[in-house]
C-alpha cells in the first residue's frame, strides 16, 4: 500500500522472505513448543 510503503521507507524497515515449508515448520514449533496456535501467515 502506498501509505504504508512511504512510512516503512522513511523508518528504514528491512525485509526477509521465508518459504512455505519454513512457515509450516514455525506453525508446528508454535503448537508443540510454545503451546500456541498460529496460522502460516
ModelCIF file with pLDDT and N, C-alpha, C, O atoms, coordinates in Angstrom:
data_MODEL
#
_entry.id   MODEL 
#
_entity.id                         1 
_entity.type                       polymer 
_entity.pdbx_number_of_molecules   1 
#
_entity_poly.entity_id                      1 
_entity_poly.type                           'polypeptide(L)' 
_entity_poly.nstd_linkage                   no 
_entity_poly.nstd_monomer                   no 
_entity_poly.pdbx_seq_one_letter_code       
;(UNK)(UNK)(UNK)(UNK)(UNK)(UNK)(UNK)(UNK)(UNK)(UNK)(UNK)(UNK)(UNK)(UNK)(UNK)(UNK)
(UNK)(UNK)(UNK)(UNK)(UNK)(UNK)(UNK)(UNK)(UNK)(UNK)(UNK)(UNK)(UNK)(UNK)(UNK)(UNK)
(UNK)(UNK)(UNK)(UNK)(UNK)(UNK)(UNK)(UNK)(UNK)
;
_entity_poly.pdbx_seq_one_letter_code_can   XXXXXXXXXXXXXXXXXXXXXXXXXXXXXXXXXXXXXXXXX 
_entity_poly.pdbx_strand_id                 A 
#
loop_
_entity_poly_seq.entity_id 
_entity_poly_seq.num 
_entity_poly_seq.mon_id 
_entity_poly_seq.hetero 
1 1  UNK n 
1 2  UNK n 
1 3  UNK n 
1 4  UNK n 
1 5  UNK n 
1 6  UNK n 
1 7  UNK n 
1 8  UNK n 
1 9  UNK n 
1 10 UNK n 
1 11 UNK n 
1 12 UNK n 
1 13 UNK n 
1 14 UNK n 
1 15 UNK n 
1 16 UNK n 
1 17 UNK n 
1 18 UNK n 
1 19 UNK n 
1 20 UNK n 
1 21 UNK n 
1 22 UNK n 
1 23 UNK n 
1 24 UNK n 
1 25 UNK n 
1 26 UNK n 
1 27 UNK n 
1 28 UNK n 
1 29 UNK n 
1 30 UNK n 
1 31 UNK n 
1 32 UNK n 
1 33 UNK n 
1 34 UNK n 
1 35 UNK n 
1 36 UNK n 
1 37 UNK n 
1 38 UNK n 
1 39 UNK n 
1 40 UNK n 
1 41 UNK n 
#
_struct_asym.id          A 
_struct_asym.entity_id   1 
#
loop_
_ma_qa_metric.id 
_ma_qa_metric.mode 
_ma_qa_metric.name 
_ma_qa_metric.software_group_id 
_ma_qa_metric.type 
1 global pLDDT . pLDDT 
2 local  pLDDT . pLDDT 
#
_ma_qa_metric_global.metric_id      1 
_ma_qa_metric_global.metric_value   97.78 
_ma_qa_metric_global.model_id       1 
_ma_qa_metric_global.ordinal_id     1 
#
loop_
_ma_qa_metric_local.label_asym_id 
_ma_qa_metric_local.label_comp_id 
_ma_qa_metric_local.label_seq_id 
_ma_qa_metric_local.metric_id 
_ma_qa_metric_local.metric_value 
_ma_qa_metric_local.model_id 
_ma_qa_metric_local.ordinal_id 
A UNK 1  2 97.00 1 1  
A UNK 2  2 98.00 1 2  
A UNK 3  2 98.00 1 3  
A UNK 4  2 98.00 1 4  
A UNK 5  2 98.00 1 5  
A UNK 6  2 98.00 1 6  
A UNK 7  2 98.00 1 7  
A UNK 8  2 98.00 1 8  
A UNK 9  2 98.00 1 9  
A UNK 10 2 97.00 1 10 
A UNK 11 2 97.00 1 11 
A UNK 12 2 97.00 1 12 
A UNK 13 2 98.00 1 13 
A UNK 14 2 98.00 1 14 
A UNK 15 2 98.00 1 15 
A UNK 16 2 98.00 1 16 
A UNK 17 2 98.00 1 17 
A UNK 18 2 98.00 1 18 
A UNK 19 2 98.00 1 19 
A UNK 20 2 98.00 1 20 
A UNK 21 2 98.00 1 21 
A UNK 22 2 98.00 1 22 
A UNK 23 2 98.00 1 23 
A UNK 24 2 98.00 1 24 
A UNK 25 2 98.00 1 25 
A UNK 26 2 98.00 1 26 
A UNK 27 2 98.00 1 27 
A UNK 28 2 98.00 1 28 
A UNK 29 2 98.00 1 29 
A UNK 30 2 98.00 1 30 
A UNK 31 2 98.00 1 31 
A UNK 32 2 98.00 1 32 
A UNK 33 2 97.00 1 33 
A UNK 34 2 97.00 1 34 
A UNK 35 2 97.00 1 35 
A UNK 36 2 98.00 1 36 
A UNK 37 2 98.00 1 37 
A UNK 38 2 98.00 1 38 
A UNK 39 2 97.00 1 39 
A UNK 40 2 98.00 1 40 
A UNK 41 2 97.00 1 41 
#
loop_
_atom_site.group_PDB 
_atom_site.id 
_atom_site.type_symbol 
_atom_site.label_atom_id 
_atom_site.label_alt_id 
_atom_site.label_comp_id 
_atom_site.label_asym_id 
_atom_site.label_entity_id 
_atom_site.label_seq_id 
_atom_site.pdbx_PDB_ins_code 
_atom_site.Cartn_x 
_atom_site.Cartn_y 
_atom_site.Cartn_z 
_atom_site.occupancy 
_atom_site.B_iso_or_equiv 
_atom_site.pdbx_formal_charge 
_atom_site.auth_seq_id 
_atom_site.auth_comp_id 
_atom_site.auth_asym_id 
_atom_site.auth_atom_id 
_atom_site.pdbx_PDB_model_num 
ATOM 1   N N  . UNK A 1 1  ? 0.830  -1.194  0.000  1.00 97.00 ? 1  UNK A N  1 
ATOM 2   C CA . UNK A 1 1  ? 0.000  0.000   0.000  1.00 97.00 ? 1  UNK A CA 1 
ATOM 3   C C  . UNK A 1 1  ? 0.867  1.247   0.000  1.00 97.00 ? 1  UNK A C  1 
ATOM 4   O O  . UNK A 1 1  ? 1.924  1.269   0.630  1.00 97.00 ? 1  UNK A O  1 
ATOM 5   N N  . UNK A 1 2  ? 0.433  2.278   -0.695 1.00 98.00 ? 2  UNK A N  1 
ATOM 6   C CA . UNK A 1 2  ? 1.250  3.484   -0.852 1.00 98.00 ? 2  UNK A CA 1 
ATOM 7   C C  . UNK A 1 2  ? 1.508  4.185   0.482  1.00 98.00 ? 2  UNK A C  1 
ATOM 8   O O  . UNK A 1 2  ? 2.613  4.668   0.726  1.00 98.00 ? 2  UNK A O  1 
ATOM 9   N N  . UNK A 1 3  ? 0.502  4.241   1.336  1.00 98.00 ? 3  UNK A N  1 
ATOM 10  C CA . UNK A 1 3  ? 0.670  4.952   2.612  1.00 98.00 ? 3  UNK A CA 1 
ATOM 11  C C  . UNK A 1 3  ? 1.691  4.238   3.485  1.00 98.00 ? 3  UNK A C  1 
ATOM 12  O O  . UNK A 1 3  ? 2.617  4.858   4.007  1.00 98.00 ? 3  UNK A O  1 
ATOM 13  N N  . UNK A 1 4  ? 1.518  2.939   3.637  1.00 98.00 ? 4  UNK A N  1 
ATOM 14  C CA . UNK A 1 4  ? 2.443  2.172   4.462  1.00 98.00 ? 4  UNK A CA 1 
ATOM 15  C C  . UNK A 1 4  ? 3.839  2.123   3.886  1.00 98.00 ? 4  UNK A C  1 
ATOM 16  O O  . UNK A 1 4  ? 4.821  2.153   4.628  1.00 98.00 ? 4  UNK A O  1 
ATOM 17  N N  . UNK A 1 5  ? 3.939  2.048   2.551  1.00 98.00 ? 5  UNK A N  1 
ATOM 18  C CA . UNK A 1 5  ? 5.265  1.990   1.937  1.00 98.00 ? 5  UNK A CA 1 
ATOM 19  C C  . UNK A 1 5  ? 6.055  3.264   2.211  1.00 98.00 ? 5  UNK A C  1 
ATOM 20  O O  . UNK A 1 5  ? 7.259  3.208   2.463  1.00 98.00 ? 5  UNK A O  1 
ATOM 21  N N  . UNK A 1 6  ? 5.387  4.403   2.165  1.00 98.00 ? 6  UNK A N  1 
ATOM 22  C CA . UNK A 1 6  ? 6.072  5.661   2.467  1.00 98.00 ? 6  UNK A CA 1 
ATOM 23  C C  . UNK A 1 6  ? 6.580  5.658   3.907  1.00 98.00 ? 6  UNK A C  1 
ATOM 24  O O  . UNK A 1 6  ? 7.681  6.137   4.178  1.00 98.00 ? 6  UNK A O  1 
ATOM 25  N N  . UNK A 1 7  ? 5.785  5.122   4.825  1.00 98.00 ? 7  UNK A N  1 
ATOM 26  C CA . UNK A 1 7  ? 6.203  5.076   6.234  1.00 98.00 ? 7  UNK A CA 1 
ATOM 27  C C  . UNK A 1 7  ? 7.350  4.098   6.423  1.00 98.00 ? 7  UNK A C  1 
ATOM 28  O O  . UNK A 1 7  ? 8.356  4.431   7.050  1.00 98.00 ? 7  UNK A O  1 
ATOM 29  N N  . UNK A 1 8  ? 7.203  2.876   5.879  1.00 98.00 ? 8  UNK A N  1 
ATOM 30  C CA . UNK A 1 8  ? 8.252  1.870   6.042  1.00 98.00 ? 8  UNK A CA 1 
ATOM 31  C C  . UNK A 1 8  ? 9.562  2.310   5.403  1.00 98.00 ? 8  UNK A C  1 
ATOM 32  O O  . UNK A 1 8  ? 10.636 1.989   5.911  1.00 98.00 ? 8  UNK A O  1 
ATOM 33  N N  . UNK A 1 9  ? 9.486  3.035   4.306  1.00 98.00 ? 9  UNK A N  1 
ATOM 34  C CA . UNK A 1 9  ? 10.697 3.553   3.676  1.00 98.00 ? 9  UNK A CA 1 
ATOM 35  C C  . UNK A 1 9  ? 11.357 4.610   4.561  1.00 98.00 ? 9  UNK A C  1 
ATOM 36  O O  . UNK A 1 9  ? 12.576 4.627   4.728  1.00 98.00 ? 9  UNK A O  1 
ATOM 37  N N  . UNK A 1 10 ? 10.530 5.487   5.123  1.00 97.00 ? 10 UNK A N  1 
ATOM 38  C CA . UNK A 1 10 ? 11.058 6.578   5.946  1.00 97.00 ? 10 UNK A CA 1 
ATOM 39  C C  . UNK A 1 10 ? 11.664 6.070   7.252  1.00 97.00 ? 10 UNK A C  1 
ATOM 40  O O  . UNK A 1 10 ? 12.622 6.652   7.760  1.00 97.00 ? 10 UNK A O  1 
ATOM 41  N N  . UNK A 1 11 ? 11.105 4.979   7.800  1.00 97.00 ? 11 UNK A N  1 
ATOM 42  C CA . UNK A 1 11 ? 11.601 4.471   9.079  1.00 97.00 ? 11 UNK A CA 1 
ATOM 43  C C  . UNK A 1 11 ? 12.742 3.465   8.917  1.00 97.00 ? 11 UNK A C  1 
ATOM 44  O O  . UNK A 1 11 ? 13.279 2.970   9.907  1.00 97.00 ? 11 UNK A O  1 
ATOM 45  N N  . UNK A 1 12 ? 13.109 3.165   7.676  1.00 97.00 ? 12 UNK A N  1 
ATOM 46  C CA . UNK A 1 12 ? 14.258 2.290   7.438  1.00 97.00 ? 12 UNK A CA 1 
ATOM 47  C C  . UNK A 1 12 ? 14.010 0.824   7.692  1.00 97.00 ? 12 UNK A C  1 
ATOM 48  O O  . UNK A 1 12 ? 14.902 0.118   8.162  1.00 97.00 ? 12 UNK A O  1 
ATOM 49  N N  . UNK A 1 13 ? 12.806 0.347   7.388  1.00 98.00 ? 13 UNK A N  1 
ATOM 50  C CA . UNK A 1 13 ? 12.479 -1.065  7.603  1.00 98.00 ? 13 UNK A CA 1 
ATOM 51  C C  . UNK A 1 13 ? 13.314 -1.964  6.695  1.00 98.00 ? 13 UNK A C  1 
ATOM 52  O O  . UNK A 1 13 ? 13.702 -1.577  5.593  1.00 98.00 ? 13 UNK A O  1 
ATOM 53  N N  . UNK A 1 14 ? 13.581 -3.179  7.187  1.00 98.00 ? 14 UNK A N  1 
ATOM 54  C CA . UNK A 1 14 ? 14.261 -4.220  6.419  1.00 98.00 ? 14 UNK A CA 1 
ATOM 55  C C  . UNK A 1 14 ? 13.247 -5.321  6.100  1.00 98.00 ? 14 UNK A C  1 
ATOM 56  O O  . UNK A 1 14 ? 12.165 -5.355  6.685  1.00 98.00 ? 14 UNK A O  1 
ATOM 57  N N  . UNK A 1 15 ? 13.594 -6.219  5.175  1.00 98.00 ? 15 UNK A N  1 
ATOM 58  C CA . UNK A 1 15 ? 12.667 -7.291  4.823  1.00 98.00 ? 15 UNK A CA 1 
ATOM 59  C C  . UNK A 1 15 ? 13.410 -8.594  4.579  1.00 98.00 ? 15 UNK A C  1 
ATOM 60  O O  . UNK A 1 15 ? 14.530 -8.609  4.068  1.00 98.00 ? 15 UNK A O  1 
ATOM 61  N N  . UNK A 1 16 ? 12.755 -9.694  4.960  1.00 98.00 ? 16 UNK A N  1 
ATOM 62  C CA . UNK A 1 16 ? 13.246 -11.037 4.664  1.00 98.00 ? 16 UNK A CA 1 
ATOM 63  C C  . UNK A 1 16 ? 12.080 -11.844 4.102  1.00 98.00 ? 16 UNK A C  1 
ATOM 64  O O  . UNK A 1 16 ? 10.920 -11.467 4.270  1.00 98.00 ? 16 UNK A O  1 
ATOM 65  N N  . UNK A 1 17 ? 12.392 -12.961 3.432  1.00 98.00 ? 17 UNK A N  1 
ATOM 66  C CA . UNK A 1 17 ? 11.359 -13.846 2.904  1.00 98.00 ? 17 UNK A CA 1 
ATOM 67  C C  . UNK A 1 17 ? 11.612 -15.265 3.390  1.00 98.00 ? 17 UNK A C  1 
ATOM 68  O O  . UNK A 1 17 ? 12.759 -15.692 3.522  1.00 98.00 ? 17 UNK A O  1 
ATOM 69  N N  . UNK A 1 18 ? 10.527 -15.993 3.656  1.00 98.00 ? 18 UNK A N  1 
ATOM 70  C CA . UNK A 1 18 ? 10.632 -17.378 4.119  1.00 98.00 ? 18 UNK A CA 1 
ATOM 71  C C  . UNK A 1 18 ? 9.796  -18.270 3.208  1.00 98.00 ? 18 UNK A C  1 
ATOM 72  O O  . UNK A 1 18 ? 8.841  -17.817 2.577  1.00 98.00 ? 18 UNK A O  1 
ATOM 73  N N  . UNK A 1 19 ? 10.169 -19.542 3.149  1.00 98.00 ? 19 UNK A N  1 
ATOM 74  C CA . UNK A 1 19 ? 9.462  -20.496 2.309  1.00 98.00 ? 19 UNK A CA 1 
ATOM 75  C C  . UNK A 1 19 ? 8.195  -20.984 2.999  1.00 98.00 ? 19 UNK A C  1 
ATOM 76  O O  . UNK A 1 19 ? 8.020  -20.802 4.204  1.00 98.00 ? 19 UNK A O  1 
ATOM 77  N N  . UNK A 1 20 ? 7.317  -21.603 2.223  1.00 98.00 ? 20 UNK A N  1 
ATOM 78  C CA . UNK A 1 20 ? 6.128  -22.217 2.802  1.00 98.00 ? 20 UNK A CA 1 
ATOM 79  C C  . UNK A 1 20 ? 6.516  -23.289 3.814  1.00 98.00 ? 20 UNK A C  1 
ATOM 80  O O  . UNK A 1 20 ? 5.900  -23.410 4.873  1.00 98.00 ? 20 UNK A O  1 
ATOM 81  N N  . UNK A 1 21 ? 7.546  -24.069 3.477  1.00 98.00 ? 21 UNK A N  1 
ATOM 82  C CA . UNK A 1 21 ? 7.983  -25.128 4.391  1.00 98.00 ? 21 UNK A CA 1 
ATOM 83  C C  . UNK A 1 21 ? 8.448  -24.545 5.717  1.00 98.00 ? 21 UNK A C  1 
ATOM 84  O O  . UNK A 1 21 ? 8.166  -25.103 6.777  1.00 98.00 ? 21 UNK A O  1 
ATOM 85  N N  . UNK A 1 22 ? 9.161  -23.420 5.661  1.00 98.00 ? 22 UNK A N  1 
ATOM 86  C CA . UNK A 1 22 ? 9.632  -22.773 6.892  1.00 98.00 ? 22 UNK A CA 1 
ATOM 87  C C  . UNK A 1 22 ? 8.468  -22.193 7.689  1.00 98.00 ? 22 UNK A C  1 
ATOM 88  O O  . UNK A 1 22 ? 8.475  -22.238 8.919  1.00 98.00 ? 22 UNK A O  1 
ATOM 89  N N  . UNK A 1 23 ? 7.469  -21.648 6.995  1.00 98.00 ? 23 UNK A N  1 
ATOM 90  C CA . UNK A 1 23 ? 6.291  -21.128 7.694  1.00 98.00 ? 23 UNK A CA 1 
ATOM 91  C C  . UNK A 1 23 ? 5.536  -22.253 8.384  1.00 98.00 ? 23 UNK A C  1 
ATOM 92  O O  . UNK A 1 23 ? 5.098  -22.092 9.523  1.00 98.00 ? 23 UNK A O  1 
ATOM 93  N N  . UNK A 1 24 ? 5.377  -23.384 7.716  1.00 98.00 ? 24 UNK A N  1 
ATOM 94  C CA . UNK A 1 24 ? 4.690  -24.524 8.322  1.00 98.00 ? 24 UNK A CA 1 
ATOM 95  C C  . UNK A 1 24 ? 5.492  -25.096 9.488  1.00 98.00 ? 24 UNK A C  1 
ATOM 96  O O  . UNK A 1 24 ? 4.916  -25.523 10.488 1.00 98.00 ? 24 UNK A O  1 
ATOM 97  N N  . UNK A 1 25 ? 6.816  -25.106 9.364  1.00 98.00 ? 25 UNK A N  1 
ATOM 98  C CA . UNK A 1 25 ? 7.653  -25.571 10.475 1.00 98.00 ? 25 UNK A CA 1 
ATOM 99  C C  . UNK A 1 25 ? 7.483  -24.666 11.689 1.00 98.00 ? 25 UNK A C  1 
ATOM 100 O O  . UNK A 1 25 ? 7.490  -25.135 12.827 1.00 98.00 ? 25 UNK A O  1 
ATOM 101 N N  . UNK A 1 26 ? 7.331  -23.365 11.442 1.00 98.00 ? 26 UNK A N  1 
ATOM 102 C CA . UNK A 1 26 ? 7.115  -22.421 12.547 1.00 98.00 ? 26 UNK A CA 1 
ATOM 103 C C  . UNK A 1 26 ? 5.748  -22.639 13.187 1.00 98.00 ? 26 UNK A C  1 
ATOM 104 O O  . UNK A 1 26 ? 5.610  -22.520 14.405 1.00 98.00 ? 26 UNK A O  1 
ATOM 105 N N  . UNK A 1 27 ? 4.735  -22.957 12.379 1.00 98.00 ? 27 UNK A N  1 
ATOM 106 C CA . UNK A 1 27 ? 3.407  -23.292 12.914 1.00 98.00 ? 27 UNK A CA 1 
ATOM 107 C C  . UNK A 1 27 ? 3.516  -24.504 13.844 1.00 98.00 ? 27 UNK A C  1 
ATOM 108 O O  . UNK A 1 27 ? 2.952  -24.510 14.938 1.00 98.00 ? 27 UNK A O  1 
ATOM 109 N N  . UNK A 1 28 ? 4.246  -25.526 13.395 1.00 98.00 ? 28 UNK A N  1 
ATOM 110 C CA . UNK A 1 28 ? 4.415  -26.737 14.199 1.00 98.00 ? 28 UNK A CA 1 
ATOM 111 C C  . UNK A 1 28 ? 5.193  -26.445 15.479 1.00 98.00 ? 28 UNK A C  1 
ATOM 112 O O  . UNK A 1 28 ? 4.853  -26.962 16.543 1.00 98.00 ? 28 UNK A O  1 
ATOM 113 N N  . UNK A 1 29 ? 6.233  -25.618 15.382 1.00 98.00 ? 29 UNK A N  1 
ATOM 114 C CA . UNK A 1 29 ? 7.025  -25.253 16.558 1.00 98.00 ? 29 UNK A CA 1 
ATOM 115 C C  . UNK A 1 29 ? 6.161  -24.499 17.565 1.00 98.00 ? 29 UNK A C  1 
ATOM 116 O O  . UNK A 1 29 ? 6.227  -24.755 18.767 1.00 98.00 ? 29 UNK A O  1 
ATOM 117 N N  . UNK A 1 30 ? 5.356  -23.573 17.066 1.00 98.00 ? 30 UNK A N  1 
ATOM 118 C CA . UNK A 1 30 ? 4.488  -22.806 17.957 1.00 98.00 ? 30 UNK A CA 1 
ATOM 119 C C  . UNK A 1 30 ? 3.510  -23.727 18.680 1.00 98.00 ? 30 UNK A C  1 
ATOM 120 O O  . UNK A 1 30 ? 3.253  -23.555 19.871 1.00 98.00 ? 30 UNK A O  1 
ATOM 121 N N  . UNK A 1 31 ? 2.965  -24.705 17.958 1.00 98.00 ? 31 UNK A N  1 
ATOM 122 C CA . UNK A 1 31 ? 1.989  -25.626 18.554 1.00 98.00 ? 31 UNK A CA 1 
ATOM 123 C C  . UNK A 1 31 ? 2.649  -26.551 19.571 1.00 98.00 ? 31 UNK A C  1 
ATOM 124 O O  . UNK A 1 31 ? 2.157  -26.715 20.688 1.00 98.00 ? 31 UNK A O  1 
ATOM 125 N N  . UNK A 1 32 ? 3.767  -27.151 19.173 1.00 98.00 ? 32 UNK A N  1 
ATOM 126 C CA . UNK A 1 32 ? 4.392  -28.161 20.024 1.00 98.00 ? 32 UNK A CA 1 
ATOM 127 C C  . UNK A 1 32 ? 5.169  -27.561 21.200 1.00 98.00 ? 32 UNK A C  1 
ATOM 128 O O  . UNK A 1 32 ? 5.088  -28.056 22.324 1.00 98.00 ? 32 UNK A O  1 
ATOM 129 N N  . UNK A 1 33 ? 5.909  -26.507 20.932 1.00 97.00 ? 33 UNK A N  1 
ATOM 130 C CA . UNK A 1 33 ? 6.838  -25.981 21.934 1.00 97.00 ? 33 UNK A CA 1 
ATOM 131 C C  . UNK A 1 33 ? 6.273  -24.785 22.693 1.00 97.00 ? 33 UNK A C  1 
ATOM 132 O O  . UNK A 1 33 ? 6.413  -24.694 23.913 1.00 97.00 ? 33 UNK A O  1 
ATOM 133 N N  . UNK A 1 34 ? 5.638  -23.874 21.971 1.00 97.00 ? 34 UNK A N  1 
ATOM 134 C CA . UNK A 1 34 ? 5.113  -22.668 22.609 1.00 97.00 ? 34 UNK A CA 1 
ATOM 135 C C  . UNK A 1 34 ? 3.694  -22.861 23.122 1.00 97.00 ? 34 UNK A C  1 
ATOM 136 O O  . UNK A 1 34 ? 3.193  -22.052 23.904 1.00 97.00 ? 34 UNK A O  1 
ATOM 137 N N  . UNK A 1 35 ? 3.047  -23.940 22.678 1.00 97.00 ? 35 UNK A N  1 
ATOM 138 C CA . UNK A 1 35 ? 1.648  -24.229 23.046 1.00 97.00 ? 35 UNK A CA 1 
ATOM 139 C C  . UNK A 1 35 ? 0.715  -23.123 22.568 1.00 97.00 ? 35 UNK A C  1 
ATOM 140 O O  . UNK A 1 35 ? -0.218 -22.726 23.267 1.00 97.00 ? 35 UNK A O  1 
ATOM 141 N N  . UNK A 1 36 ? 0.991  -22.629 21.350 1.00 98.00 ? 36 UNK A N  1 
ATOM 142 C CA . UNK A 1 36 ? 0.195  -21.572 20.746 1.00 98.00 ? 36 UNK A CA 1 
ATOM 143 C C  . UNK A 1 36 ? -0.243 -22.008 19.347 1.00 98.00 ? 36 UNK A C  1 
ATOM 144 O O  . UNK A 1 36 ? 0.518  -22.649 18.622 1.00 98.00 ? 36 UNK A O  1 
ATOM 145 N N  . UNK A 1 37 ? -1.468 -21.657 18.979 1.00 98.00 ? 37 UNK A N  1 
ATOM 146 C CA . UNK A 1 37 ? -1.983 -21.926 17.646 1.00 98.00 ? 37 UNK A CA 1 
ATOM 147 C C  . UNK A 1 37 ? -1.768 -20.687 16.784 1.00 98.00 ? 37 UNK A C  1 
ATOM 148 O O  . UNK A 1 37 ? -2.282 -19.610 17.084 1.00 98.00 ? 37 UNK A O  1 
ATOM 149 N N  . UNK A 1 38 ? -1.001 -20.856 15.708 1.00 98.00 ? 38 UNK A N  1 
ATOM 150 C CA . UNK A 1 38 ? -0.666 -19.742 14.819 1.00 98.00 ? 38 UNK A CA 1 
ATOM 151 C C  . UNK A 1 38 ? -0.862 -20.196 13.374 1.00 98.00 ? 38 UNK A C  1 
ATOM 152 O O  . UNK A 1 38 ? -0.481 -21.312 13.021 1.00 98.00 ? 38 UNK A O  1 
ATOM 153 N N  . UNK A 1 39 ? -1.446 -19.353 12.547 1.00 97.00 ? 39 UNK A N  1 
ATOM 154 C CA . UNK A 1 39 ? -1.601 -19.679 11.133 1.00 97.00 ? 39 UNK A CA 1 
ATOM 155 C C  . UNK A 1 39 ? -0.288 -19.415 10.397 1.00 97.00 ? 39 UNK A C  1 
ATOM 156 O O  . UNK A 1 39 ? 0.565  -18.700 10.922 1.00 97.00 ? 39 UNK A O  1 
ATOM 157 N N  . UNK A 1 40 ? -0.098 -19.976 9.186  1.00 98.00 ? 40 UNK A N  1 
ATOM 158 C CA . UNK A 1 40 ? 1.174  -19.791 8.489  1.00 98.00 ? 40 UNK A CA 1 
ATOM 159 C C  . UNK A 1 40 ? 1.559  -18.331 8.277  1.00 98.00 ? 40 UNK A C  1 
ATOM 160 O O  . UNK A 1 40 ? 2.703  -17.951 8.527  1.00 98.00 ? 40 UNK A O  1 
ATOM 161 N N  . UNK A 1 41 ? 0.618  -17.510 7.821  1.00 97.00 ? 41 UNK A N  1 
ATOM 162 C CA . UNK A 1 41 ? 0.936  -16.098 7.622  1.00 97.00 ? 41 UNK A CA 1 
ATOM 163 C C  . UNK A 1 41 ? 1.287  -15.393 8.911  1.00 97.00 ? 41 UNK A C  1 
ATOM 164 O O  . UNK A 1 41 ? 1.579  -14.197 8.901  1.00 97.00 ? 41 UNK A O  1 
#
